[in-house]
N, C-alpha and C. Protein backbone atom coordinates (compact mmCIF):
# COMPACT_ATOMS: atom_id res chain seq x y z
N MET A 1 0.84 -1.19 0.00
CA MET A 1 0.00 0.00 0.00
C MET A 1 0.88 1.25 0.00
N LYS A 2 0.65 2.12 -0.96
CA LYS A 2 1.42 3.36 -1.03
C LYS A 2 0.90 4.35 0.00
N LYS A 3 1.82 4.90 0.77
CA LYS A 3 1.43 5.85 1.81
C LYS A 3 1.48 7.28 1.28
N VAL A 4 0.68 8.13 1.90
CA VAL A 4 0.69 9.56 1.57
C VAL A 4 1.83 10.21 2.34
N GLY A 5 2.73 10.86 1.62
CA GLY A 5 3.85 11.52 2.26
C GLY A 5 3.46 12.90 2.77
N PHE A 6 3.60 13.11 4.07
CA PHE A 6 3.23 14.38 4.68
C PHE A 6 4.45 15.22 5.04
N GLY A 7 4.30 16.52 4.88
CA GLY A 7 5.26 17.48 5.39
C GLY A 7 4.57 18.35 6.42
N ILE A 8 5.24 18.63 7.51
CA ILE A 8 4.69 19.48 8.56
C ILE A 8 5.39 20.83 8.50
N ILE A 9 4.63 21.89 8.32
CA ILE A 9 5.21 23.24 8.26
C ILE A 9 4.80 23.99 9.52
N GLY A 10 5.78 24.21 10.38
CA GLY A 10 5.52 24.80 11.69
C GLY A 10 5.66 23.74 12.76
N CYS A 11 6.69 23.86 13.60
CA CYS A 11 6.99 22.80 14.58
C CYS A 11 6.80 23.27 16.02
N GLY A 12 5.71 23.98 16.26
CA GLY A 12 5.41 24.44 17.61
C GLY A 12 4.62 23.42 18.39
N GLY A 13 3.92 23.88 19.42
CA GLY A 13 3.21 22.98 20.31
C GLY A 13 2.11 22.19 19.63
N ILE A 14 1.34 22.82 18.73
CA ILE A 14 0.22 22.12 18.11
C ILE A 14 0.69 20.96 17.24
N SER A 15 1.84 21.12 16.61
CA SER A 15 2.39 20.03 15.79
C SER A 15 2.93 18.91 16.67
N ASN A 16 3.66 19.29 17.73
CA ASN A 16 4.29 18.30 18.59
C ASN A 16 3.30 17.55 19.46
N TYR A 17 2.20 18.19 19.82
CA TYR A 17 1.23 17.54 20.70
C TYR A 17 0.03 16.96 19.98
N PHE A 18 -0.21 17.40 18.75
CA PHE A 18 -1.42 16.94 18.07
C PHE A 18 -1.15 16.37 16.69
N HIS A 19 -0.73 17.21 15.75
CA HIS A 19 -0.67 16.77 14.35
C HIS A 19 0.29 15.60 14.12
N ILE A 20 1.50 15.71 14.62
CA ILE A 20 2.47 14.64 14.35
C ILE A 20 2.08 13.34 15.04
N PRO A 21 1.76 13.34 16.35
CA PRO A 21 1.34 12.08 16.98
C PRO A 21 0.13 11.45 16.31
N GLU A 22 -0.85 12.28 15.90
CA GLU A 22 -2.05 11.72 15.26
C GLU A 22 -1.73 11.13 13.89
N LEU A 23 -0.92 11.83 13.10
CA LEU A 23 -0.56 11.31 11.78
C LEU A 23 0.22 10.01 11.90
N LYS A 24 1.01 9.88 12.94
CA LYS A 24 1.79 8.65 13.12
C LYS A 24 0.91 7.45 13.45
N GLU A 25 -0.32 7.71 13.86
CA GLU A 25 -1.26 6.63 14.15
C GLU A 25 -2.00 6.16 12.90
N ILE A 26 -1.87 6.90 11.81
CA ILE A 26 -2.59 6.58 10.57
C ILE A 26 -1.68 5.76 9.65
N LYS A 27 -2.05 4.53 9.39
CA LYS A 27 -1.17 3.62 8.65
C LYS A 27 -0.97 4.04 7.20
N GLU A 28 -1.92 4.82 6.66
CA GLU A 28 -1.79 5.26 5.26
C GLU A 28 -0.93 6.51 5.12
N ALA A 29 -0.48 7.06 6.24
CA ALA A 29 0.30 8.30 6.21
C ALA A 29 1.74 8.07 6.66
N LYS A 30 2.64 8.86 6.09
CA LYS A 30 4.04 8.83 6.51
C LYS A 30 4.57 10.26 6.52
N ILE A 31 5.08 10.70 7.65
CA ILE A 31 5.67 12.04 7.74
C ILE A 31 7.11 11.94 7.24
N VAL A 32 7.38 12.61 6.14
CA VAL A 32 8.71 12.50 5.53
C VAL A 32 9.61 13.69 5.85
N ALA A 33 9.02 14.82 6.25
CA ALA A 33 9.84 15.99 6.55
C ALA A 33 9.06 17.01 7.37
N VAL A 34 9.81 17.81 8.13
CA VAL A 34 9.22 18.92 8.88
C VAL A 34 9.99 20.19 8.53
N ALA A 35 9.35 21.33 8.76
CA ALA A 35 10.01 22.60 8.48
C ALA A 35 9.60 23.64 9.51
N ASP A 36 10.54 24.47 9.89
CA ASP A 36 10.26 25.59 10.77
C ASP A 36 11.33 26.65 10.56
N ILE A 37 10.92 27.91 10.58
CA ILE A 37 11.87 28.99 10.40
C ILE A 37 12.92 28.99 11.51
N LYS A 38 12.55 28.44 12.68
CA LYS A 38 13.51 28.25 13.77
C LYS A 38 14.11 26.86 13.58
N SER A 39 15.33 26.81 13.08
CA SER A 39 15.94 25.53 12.73
C SER A 39 16.05 24.59 13.92
N ASN A 40 16.23 25.13 15.12
CA ASN A 40 16.32 24.29 16.31
C ASN A 40 15.03 23.51 16.52
N ARG A 41 13.90 24.17 16.29
CA ARG A 41 12.62 23.48 16.44
C ARG A 41 12.46 22.37 15.41
N ALA A 42 12.81 22.68 14.17
CA ALA A 42 12.68 21.68 13.11
C ALA A 42 13.56 20.47 13.41
N LYS A 43 14.79 20.74 13.81
CA LYS A 43 15.75 19.66 14.08
C LYS A 43 15.30 18.80 15.26
N LEU A 44 14.89 19.43 16.35
CA LEU A 44 14.49 18.68 17.54
C LEU A 44 13.18 17.93 17.32
N THR A 45 12.27 18.52 16.56
CA THR A 45 11.01 17.83 16.25
C THR A 45 11.27 16.58 15.42
N ALA A 46 12.14 16.72 14.42
CA ALA A 46 12.49 15.56 13.59
C ALA A 46 13.12 14.46 14.44
N LYS A 47 14.01 14.85 15.33
CA LYS A 47 14.68 13.88 16.20
C LYS A 47 13.69 13.23 17.16
N ARG A 48 12.81 14.03 17.72
CA ARG A 48 11.84 13.54 18.71
C ARG A 48 10.92 12.48 18.13
N PHE A 49 10.53 12.64 16.87
CA PHE A 49 9.57 11.72 16.25
C PHE A 49 10.20 10.82 15.19
N LYS A 50 11.53 10.80 15.17
CA LYS A 50 12.26 9.93 14.23
C LYS A 50 11.85 10.19 12.78
N ILE A 51 11.81 11.46 12.43
CA ILE A 51 11.53 11.88 11.05
C ILE A 51 12.86 12.19 10.38
N LYS A 52 13.08 11.64 9.21
CA LYS A 52 14.41 11.67 8.60
C LYS A 52 14.88 13.07 8.20
N SER A 53 13.97 13.91 7.72
CA SER A 53 14.41 15.19 7.14
C SER A 53 13.77 16.39 7.81
N TRP A 54 14.52 17.46 7.91
CA TRP A 54 13.98 18.71 8.42
C TRP A 54 14.55 19.88 7.62
N HIS A 55 13.79 20.97 7.58
CA HIS A 55 14.19 22.16 6.81
C HIS A 55 13.91 23.42 7.63
N SER A 56 14.73 24.43 7.44
CA SER A 56 14.47 25.73 8.06
C SER A 56 13.76 26.67 7.07
N ASP A 57 13.59 26.21 5.84
CA ASP A 57 12.86 26.95 4.80
C ASP A 57 11.76 26.05 4.26
N TYR A 58 10.52 26.42 4.48
CA TYR A 58 9.42 25.55 4.06
C TYR A 58 9.33 25.39 2.55
N LEU A 59 9.88 26.35 1.81
CA LEU A 59 9.86 26.23 0.35
C LEU A 59 10.70 25.04 -0.12
N GLU A 60 11.74 24.71 0.63
CA GLU A 60 12.54 23.52 0.31
C GLU A 60 11.71 22.27 0.51
N LEU A 61 10.91 22.26 1.56
CA LEU A 61 10.02 21.11 1.80
C LEU A 61 9.02 20.97 0.66
N LEU A 62 8.50 22.09 0.17
CA LEU A 62 7.51 22.04 -0.90
C LEU A 62 8.08 21.55 -2.22
N GLU A 63 9.40 21.61 -2.37
CA GLU A 63 10.04 21.15 -3.59
C GLU A 63 10.21 19.63 -3.62
N ARG A 64 10.00 18.98 -2.50
CA ARG A 64 10.23 17.53 -2.40
C ARG A 64 9.14 16.74 -3.13
N ASP A 65 9.57 15.78 -3.91
CA ASP A 65 8.62 14.92 -4.62
C ASP A 65 7.95 13.91 -3.70
N ASP A 66 8.59 13.60 -2.57
CA ASP A 66 8.00 12.61 -1.66
C ASP A 66 6.99 13.23 -0.70
N VAL A 67 6.80 14.53 -0.78
CA VAL A 67 5.76 15.21 0.02
C VAL A 67 4.53 15.40 -0.85
N ASN A 68 3.46 14.68 -0.50
CA ASN A 68 2.19 14.78 -1.25
C ASN A 68 1.22 15.76 -0.62
N ALA A 69 1.34 15.92 0.69
CA ALA A 69 0.41 16.77 1.43
C ALA A 69 1.14 17.47 2.57
N VAL A 70 0.64 18.63 2.96
CA VAL A 70 1.27 19.35 4.07
C VAL A 70 0.24 19.77 5.10
N VAL A 71 0.71 19.89 6.32
CA VAL A 71 -0.08 20.49 7.40
C VAL A 71 0.53 21.85 7.68
N VAL A 72 -0.29 22.89 7.59
CA VAL A 72 0.17 24.25 7.87
C VAL A 72 -0.14 24.56 9.33
N ALA A 73 0.89 24.59 10.16
CA ALA A 73 0.72 24.81 11.60
C ALA A 73 1.63 25.93 12.09
N THR A 74 1.66 26.99 11.32
CA THR A 74 2.45 28.17 11.63
C THR A 74 1.60 29.16 12.44
N PRO A 75 2.18 30.28 12.90
CA PRO A 75 1.33 31.33 13.47
C PRO A 75 0.26 31.77 12.47
N HIS A 76 -0.90 32.19 12.98
CA HIS A 76 -2.05 32.50 12.14
C HIS A 76 -1.75 33.45 11.00
N SER A 77 -0.91 34.44 11.28
CA SER A 77 -0.72 35.53 10.31
C SER A 77 -0.07 35.09 9.01
N VAL A 78 0.58 33.92 9.00
CA VAL A 78 1.21 33.45 7.76
C VAL A 78 0.55 32.21 7.19
N HIS A 79 -0.59 31.81 7.74
CA HIS A 79 -1.30 30.64 7.21
C HIS A 79 -1.56 30.77 5.72
N ALA A 80 -2.08 31.92 5.30
CA ALA A 80 -2.48 32.08 3.90
C ALA A 80 -1.29 31.99 2.96
N LYS A 81 -0.20 32.68 3.29
CA LYS A 81 0.99 32.67 2.43
C LYS A 81 1.52 31.25 2.25
N VAL A 82 1.65 30.54 3.35
CA VAL A 82 2.18 29.17 3.29
C VAL A 82 1.21 28.26 2.55
N ALA A 83 -0.08 28.38 2.82
CA ALA A 83 -1.08 27.53 2.17
C ALA A 83 -1.10 27.73 0.67
N VAL A 84 -1.09 28.98 0.23
CA VAL A 84 -1.11 29.27 -1.21
C VAL A 84 0.16 28.74 -1.88
N ASP A 85 1.30 28.93 -1.24
CA ASP A 85 2.56 28.40 -1.79
C ASP A 85 2.48 26.88 -1.92
N ALA A 86 1.90 26.22 -0.92
CA ALA A 86 1.79 24.76 -0.95
C ALA A 86 0.86 24.30 -2.07
N ILE A 87 -0.26 24.99 -2.23
CA ILE A 87 -1.20 24.65 -3.31
C ILE A 87 -0.53 24.82 -4.67
N GLU A 88 0.15 25.94 -4.85
CA GLU A 88 0.82 26.20 -6.12
C GLU A 88 1.93 25.19 -6.39
N ALA A 89 2.46 24.59 -5.32
CA ALA A 89 3.49 23.57 -5.47
C ALA A 89 2.89 22.19 -5.74
N GLY A 90 1.55 22.12 -5.78
CA GLY A 90 0.89 20.86 -6.10
C GLY A 90 0.68 19.93 -4.93
N LYS A 91 0.59 20.49 -3.72
CA LYS A 91 0.40 19.67 -2.52
C LYS A 91 -1.04 19.77 -2.01
N HIS A 92 -1.54 18.67 -1.48
CA HIS A 92 -2.79 18.72 -0.72
C HIS A 92 -2.48 19.47 0.58
N VAL A 93 -3.47 20.18 1.12
CA VAL A 93 -3.20 21.07 2.25
C VAL A 93 -4.24 20.94 3.36
N ILE A 94 -3.75 20.82 4.58
CA ILE A 94 -4.58 20.91 5.78
C ILE A 94 -4.08 22.13 6.55
N ILE A 95 -4.99 23.06 6.85
CA ILE A 95 -4.61 24.28 7.55
C ILE A 95 -5.14 24.24 8.98
N GLN A 96 -4.24 24.36 9.94
CA GLN A 96 -4.64 24.44 11.34
C GLN A 96 -5.55 25.66 11.54
N LYS A 97 -6.54 25.53 12.37
CA LYS A 97 -7.44 26.67 12.60
C LYS A 97 -6.69 27.79 13.32
N PRO A 98 -7.11 29.05 13.14
CA PRO A 98 -8.07 29.52 12.15
C PRO A 98 -7.47 29.51 10.75
N MET A 99 -8.33 29.42 9.76
CA MET A 99 -7.87 29.35 8.37
C MET A 99 -6.88 30.48 8.06
N CYS A 100 -7.24 31.69 8.46
CA CYS A 100 -6.37 32.86 8.27
C CYS A 100 -6.95 33.99 9.12
N THR A 101 -6.47 35.20 8.90
CA THR A 101 -6.88 36.29 9.79
C THR A 101 -7.75 37.35 9.13
N ASN A 102 -8.01 37.23 7.84
CA ASN A 102 -8.87 38.22 7.19
C ASN A 102 -9.49 37.63 5.92
N VAL A 103 -10.50 38.30 5.42
CA VAL A 103 -11.25 37.81 4.26
C VAL A 103 -10.38 37.78 3.00
N LYS A 104 -9.53 38.78 2.84
CA LYS A 104 -8.66 38.83 1.66
C LYS A 104 -7.79 37.59 1.57
N ASP A 105 -7.20 37.19 2.69
CA ASP A 105 -6.37 35.99 2.71
C ASP A 105 -7.20 34.73 2.47
N ALA A 106 -8.40 34.70 3.04
CA ALA A 106 -9.28 33.55 2.84
C ALA A 106 -9.62 33.39 1.36
N ASN A 107 -9.91 34.51 0.71
CA ASN A 107 -10.22 34.47 -0.73
C ASN A 107 -9.02 33.99 -1.54
N ALA A 108 -7.82 34.39 -1.13
CA ALA A 108 -6.61 33.97 -1.84
C ALA A 108 -6.44 32.46 -1.78
N ILE A 109 -6.74 31.88 -0.62
CA ILE A 109 -6.64 30.42 -0.47
C ILE A 109 -7.69 29.74 -1.34
N VAL A 110 -8.92 30.24 -1.29
CA VAL A 110 -10.01 29.65 -2.08
C VAL A 110 -9.70 29.73 -3.57
N GLU A 111 -9.21 30.87 -4.01
CA GLU A 111 -8.90 31.04 -5.43
C GLU A 111 -7.78 30.10 -5.88
N ALA A 112 -6.77 29.93 -5.03
CA ALA A 112 -5.68 29.01 -5.36
C ALA A 112 -6.20 27.58 -5.45
N ALA A 113 -7.09 27.21 -4.51
CA ALA A 113 -7.67 25.87 -4.52
C ALA A 113 -8.50 25.63 -5.78
N ARG A 114 -9.21 26.65 -6.22
CA ARG A 114 -10.02 26.52 -7.43
C ARG A 114 -9.15 26.36 -8.67
N ARG A 115 -8.01 27.03 -8.67
CA ARG A 115 -7.08 26.89 -9.81
C ARG A 115 -6.49 25.50 -9.88
N HIS A 116 -6.45 24.83 -8.73
CA HIS A 116 -5.87 23.48 -8.66
C HIS A 116 -6.93 22.54 -8.07
N ASN A 117 -8.02 22.36 -8.80
CA ASN A 117 -9.15 21.61 -8.24
C ASN A 117 -8.92 20.10 -8.17
N ASP A 118 -7.71 19.66 -8.57
CA ASP A 118 -7.36 18.26 -8.39
C ASP A 118 -6.80 18.01 -6.99
N LEU A 119 -6.57 19.09 -6.24
CA LEU A 119 -6.01 18.97 -4.90
C LEU A 119 -7.09 19.08 -3.83
N LYS A 120 -6.83 18.46 -2.70
CA LYS A 120 -7.73 18.58 -1.55
C LYS A 120 -7.16 19.65 -0.62
N VAL A 121 -7.96 20.66 -0.33
CA VAL A 121 -7.53 21.74 0.55
C VAL A 121 -8.59 21.93 1.62
N MET A 122 -8.20 21.85 2.88
CA MET A 122 -9.18 22.03 3.95
C MET A 122 -8.61 22.85 5.09
N ALA A 123 -9.45 23.68 5.67
CA ALA A 123 -9.11 24.38 6.90
C ALA A 123 -9.66 23.54 8.03
N LEU A 124 -8.80 23.14 8.92
CA LEU A 124 -9.18 22.22 9.99
C LEU A 124 -10.19 22.87 10.93
N PRO A 125 -11.41 22.36 10.97
CA PRO A 125 -12.40 22.93 11.89
C PRO A 125 -12.27 22.25 13.25
N PHE A 126 -12.89 22.80 14.24
CA PHE A 126 -12.97 22.09 15.51
C PHE A 126 -14.36 21.50 15.57
N VAL A 127 -14.47 20.21 15.29
CA VAL A 127 -15.78 19.58 15.17
C VAL A 127 -16.03 18.61 16.31
N TYR A 128 -17.28 18.26 16.48
CA TYR A 128 -17.67 17.43 17.61
C TYR A 128 -18.34 16.13 17.17
N PHE A 129 -18.03 15.69 15.97
CA PHE A 129 -18.59 14.43 15.51
C PHE A 129 -18.06 13.30 16.39
N ASP A 130 -18.90 12.32 16.62
CA ASP A 130 -18.53 11.15 17.43
C ASP A 130 -18.16 11.51 18.87
N SER A 131 -18.70 12.61 19.36
CA SER A 131 -18.52 12.98 20.76
C SER A 131 -19.84 12.70 21.47
N PRO A 132 -19.89 11.69 22.34
CA PRO A 132 -21.17 11.27 22.95
C PRO A 132 -22.02 12.40 23.53
N PRO A 133 -21.46 13.32 24.32
CA PRO A 133 -22.33 14.38 24.87
C PRO A 133 -22.97 15.25 23.79
N PHE A 134 -22.18 15.59 22.77
CA PHE A 134 -22.72 16.44 21.71
C PHE A 134 -23.70 15.68 20.82
N ASP A 135 -23.40 14.40 20.56
CA ASP A 135 -24.32 13.59 19.77
C ASP A 135 -25.66 13.44 20.50
N TYR A 136 -25.58 13.25 21.82
CA TYR A 136 -26.79 13.11 22.63
C TYR A 136 -27.62 14.40 22.57
N ALA A 137 -26.94 15.53 22.74
CA ALA A 137 -27.64 16.82 22.70
C ALA A 137 -28.24 17.07 21.33
N LYS A 138 -27.49 16.73 20.29
CA LYS A 138 -27.99 16.95 18.93
C LYS A 138 -29.23 16.09 18.66
N ASN A 139 -29.24 14.88 19.18
CA ASN A 139 -30.39 13.99 19.02
C ASN A 139 -31.63 14.57 19.71
N LEU A 140 -31.44 15.11 20.91
CA LEU A 140 -32.56 15.72 21.63
C LEU A 140 -33.15 16.87 20.83
N ILE A 141 -32.26 17.67 20.25
CA ILE A 141 -32.71 18.82 19.45
C ILE A 141 -33.44 18.34 18.20
N LYS A 142 -32.87 17.33 17.54
CA LYS A 142 -33.47 16.80 16.31
C LYS A 142 -34.86 16.24 16.57
N LYS A 143 -35.04 15.58 17.71
CA LYS A 143 -36.34 14.99 18.06
C LYS A 143 -37.30 16.03 18.64
N GLU A 144 -36.82 17.26 18.76
CA GLU A 144 -37.61 18.37 19.29
C GLU A 144 -38.06 18.11 20.73
N GLU A 145 -37.25 17.36 21.47
CA GLU A 145 -37.58 17.07 22.86
C GLU A 145 -37.28 18.24 23.78
N LEU A 146 -36.54 19.21 23.28
CA LEU A 146 -36.21 20.38 24.10
C LEU A 146 -37.10 21.57 23.78
N GLY A 147 -38.04 21.36 22.87
CA GLY A 147 -38.90 22.46 22.46
C GLY A 147 -38.18 23.42 21.53
N ARG A 148 -38.72 24.61 21.40
CA ARG A 148 -38.13 25.61 20.51
C ARG A 148 -36.96 26.29 21.22
N ILE A 149 -35.79 26.23 20.61
CA ILE A 149 -34.60 26.84 21.21
C ILE A 149 -34.50 28.28 20.73
N CYS A 150 -34.53 29.20 21.66
CA CYS A 150 -34.51 30.63 21.33
C CYS A 150 -33.13 31.25 21.54
N MET A 151 -32.32 30.64 22.38
CA MET A 151 -31.00 31.19 22.66
C MET A 151 -30.05 30.07 23.03
N ALA A 152 -28.80 30.24 22.69
CA ALA A 152 -27.79 29.25 23.09
C ALA A 152 -26.53 30.00 23.52
N ARG A 153 -25.84 29.44 24.48
CA ARG A 153 -24.61 30.05 24.98
C ARG A 153 -23.52 28.99 25.04
N SER A 154 -22.35 29.35 24.64
CA SER A 154 -21.22 28.42 24.70
C SER A 154 -20.09 29.06 25.49
N ARG A 155 -19.53 28.32 26.40
CA ARG A 155 -18.40 28.82 27.20
C ARG A 155 -17.19 27.94 26.93
N VAL A 156 -16.09 28.55 26.55
CA VAL A 156 -14.86 27.81 26.24
C VAL A 156 -13.70 28.46 26.98
N ALA A 157 -12.84 27.65 27.56
CA ALA A 157 -11.67 28.19 28.25
C ALA A 157 -10.53 27.18 28.22
N HIS A 158 -9.32 27.69 28.23
CA HIS A 158 -8.15 26.83 28.45
C HIS A 158 -7.03 27.67 29.04
N GLY A 159 -5.87 27.09 29.21
CA GLY A 159 -4.77 27.77 29.89
C GLY A 159 -4.25 29.00 29.19
N GLY A 160 -4.56 29.14 27.90
CA GLY A 160 -4.15 30.33 27.17
C GLY A 160 -2.69 30.33 26.75
N PRO A 161 -2.25 31.44 26.19
CA PRO A 161 -0.89 31.54 25.64
C PRO A 161 0.21 31.23 26.65
N GLU A 162 -0.01 31.63 27.91
CA GLU A 162 1.02 31.40 28.93
C GLU A 162 1.27 29.90 29.11
N LYS A 163 0.19 29.13 29.19
CA LYS A 163 0.32 27.68 29.33
C LYS A 163 0.94 27.07 28.08
N TYR A 164 0.48 27.53 26.91
CA TYR A 164 1.02 27.03 25.65
C TYR A 164 2.52 27.28 25.59
N GLN A 165 2.95 28.48 26.00
CA GLN A 165 4.36 28.82 25.91
C GLN A 165 5.20 27.99 26.87
N GLU A 166 4.63 27.60 28.00
CA GLU A 166 5.34 26.72 28.93
C GLU A 166 5.68 25.40 28.25
N ASP A 167 4.72 24.86 27.51
CA ASP A 167 4.94 23.60 26.80
C ASP A 167 6.03 23.75 25.74
N VAL A 168 5.95 24.82 24.96
CA VAL A 168 6.93 25.05 23.90
C VAL A 168 8.32 25.24 24.49
N THR A 169 8.40 26.02 25.56
CA THR A 169 9.69 26.27 26.22
C THR A 169 10.29 24.97 26.73
N ARG A 170 9.44 24.10 27.29
CA ARG A 170 9.93 22.84 27.83
C ARG A 170 10.46 21.93 26.72
N ILE A 171 9.77 21.87 25.61
CA ILE A 171 10.19 20.99 24.51
C ILE A 171 11.50 21.45 23.90
N PHE A 172 11.60 22.75 23.63
CA PHE A 172 12.73 23.24 22.85
C PHE A 172 13.79 23.98 23.66
N GLY A 173 13.56 24.15 24.96
CA GLY A 173 14.53 24.84 25.79
C GLY A 173 14.72 26.29 25.37
N GLU A 174 13.64 26.92 24.92
CA GLU A 174 13.72 28.30 24.44
C GLU A 174 13.31 29.30 25.51
N LYS A 175 13.75 30.52 25.33
CA LYS A 175 13.29 31.62 26.16
C LYS A 175 11.87 31.95 25.74
N LYS A 176 11.04 32.32 26.71
CA LYS A 176 9.65 32.66 26.40
C LYS A 176 9.58 33.82 25.40
N ASP A 177 8.88 33.59 24.33
CA ASP A 177 8.70 34.62 23.29
C ASP A 177 7.42 34.28 22.54
N CYS A 178 6.30 34.62 23.14
CA CYS A 178 5.01 34.13 22.63
C CYS A 178 4.37 35.10 21.65
N TRP A 179 4.17 34.65 20.42
CA TRP A 179 3.56 35.50 19.40
C TRP A 179 2.10 35.82 19.70
N PHE A 180 1.48 35.05 20.59
CA PHE A 180 0.09 35.31 20.97
C PHE A 180 -0.08 36.69 21.61
N PHE A 181 1.00 37.21 22.23
CA PHE A 181 0.91 38.48 22.93
C PHE A 181 1.26 39.68 22.07
N ASP A 182 1.60 39.45 20.82
CA ASP A 182 1.95 40.54 19.91
C ASP A 182 0.78 40.79 18.96
N PRO A 183 0.13 41.96 19.04
CA PRO A 183 -1.04 42.24 18.18
C PRO A 183 -0.76 42.07 16.69
N LYS A 184 0.50 42.27 16.28
CA LYS A 184 0.83 42.15 14.86
C LYS A 184 0.73 40.71 14.37
N THR A 185 0.92 39.76 15.27
CA THR A 185 0.86 38.35 14.87
C THR A 185 -0.37 37.64 15.44
N ALA A 186 -0.86 38.10 16.58
CA ALA A 186 -2.03 37.45 17.20
C ALA A 186 -3.33 37.85 16.53
N HIS A 187 -3.38 39.05 15.98
CA HIS A 187 -4.58 39.56 15.30
C HIS A 187 -5.81 39.50 16.20
N GLY A 188 -6.71 38.57 15.97
CA GLY A 188 -7.98 38.55 16.71
C GLY A 188 -7.87 38.09 18.14
N GLY A 189 -6.70 37.67 18.58
CA GLY A 189 -6.51 37.26 19.97
C GLY A 189 -7.42 36.11 20.38
N ALA A 190 -7.94 36.20 21.61
CA ALA A 190 -8.75 35.12 22.16
C ALA A 190 -10.01 34.86 21.34
N LEU A 191 -10.62 35.93 20.82
CA LEU A 191 -11.85 35.75 20.04
C LEU A 191 -11.58 34.91 18.80
N LEU A 192 -10.48 35.18 18.12
CA LEU A 192 -10.14 34.42 16.91
C LEU A 192 -9.69 33.01 17.25
N ASP A 193 -8.87 32.89 18.29
CA ASP A 193 -8.27 31.60 18.60
C ASP A 193 -9.23 30.66 19.32
N LEU A 194 -10.03 31.20 20.22
CA LEU A 194 -10.97 30.38 20.98
C LEU A 194 -12.39 30.42 20.43
N GLY A 195 -12.72 31.52 19.75
CA GLY A 195 -14.08 31.68 19.25
C GLY A 195 -14.52 30.56 18.33
N VAL A 196 -13.56 29.99 17.58
CA VAL A 196 -13.90 28.92 16.65
C VAL A 196 -14.49 27.71 17.38
N TYR A 197 -14.05 27.47 18.60
CA TYR A 197 -14.59 26.34 19.36
C TYR A 197 -16.07 26.57 19.69
N ALA A 198 -16.35 27.75 20.21
CA ALA A 198 -17.73 28.06 20.58
C ALA A 198 -18.65 28.07 19.36
N ILE A 199 -18.18 28.69 18.29
CA ILE A 199 -19.00 28.78 17.08
C ILE A 199 -19.26 27.41 16.48
N SER A 200 -18.22 26.56 16.43
CA SER A 200 -18.41 25.23 15.85
C SER A 200 -19.33 24.38 16.71
N GLN A 201 -19.27 24.56 18.03
CA GLN A 201 -20.21 23.86 18.91
C GLN A 201 -21.65 24.22 18.54
N LEU A 202 -21.91 25.51 18.45
CA LEU A 202 -23.28 25.97 18.21
C LEU A 202 -23.77 25.62 16.82
N VAL A 203 -22.88 25.73 15.84
CA VAL A 203 -23.27 25.38 14.46
C VAL A 203 -23.57 23.88 14.37
N TYR A 204 -22.74 23.06 15.02
CA TYR A 204 -22.97 21.62 14.99
C TYR A 204 -24.31 21.26 15.64
N LEU A 205 -24.60 21.88 16.76
CA LEU A 205 -25.82 21.54 17.49
C LEU A 205 -27.08 22.15 16.87
N LEU A 206 -26.97 23.37 16.39
CA LEU A 206 -28.17 24.09 15.97
C LEU A 206 -28.27 24.33 14.48
N GLY A 207 -27.17 24.12 13.74
CA GLY A 207 -27.20 24.30 12.30
C GLY A 207 -27.09 25.75 11.88
């Protein structure tokens, strides 16, 4: 069975704790290379997960013939640039949420995907399929056992950037330097980063 060769672009906490471990559990997938502008992160991530190749320039990764698909897990502000470059390079693309930070960038990704409609391009949503509590609630709503729903509220919380940076610092032995706290790179802040969870909950349950 031929495996899909994956490249990981961005070697921060989300890649080390989620994308790479999950892809390694999929027998049809093989991670062939990682890339990060911080070469130390790329090198240590490759070593940590026994991945043969690493790059400090993601464009080098995109030139590889053994990379069929990429996961874009960079800071939000460069999602669109990296995704469009990957599409133009002929790679299937998975973009870590949020897709990007503005409508102009979103349109650029969509337009690139349309130009290359043989490729699969997706922005990773936060979905609740196969989650027993949400499935149960959705069933109640579908059967109209809760009556007419006039309002819904979703509350989402986690440790935030400070907790995230602790994890990154521990993995790579870096000094704290969190892009979440810089308006130029964080953009929408908590609303953009956490809001997707609340919105996807409500859309899944209520349509």
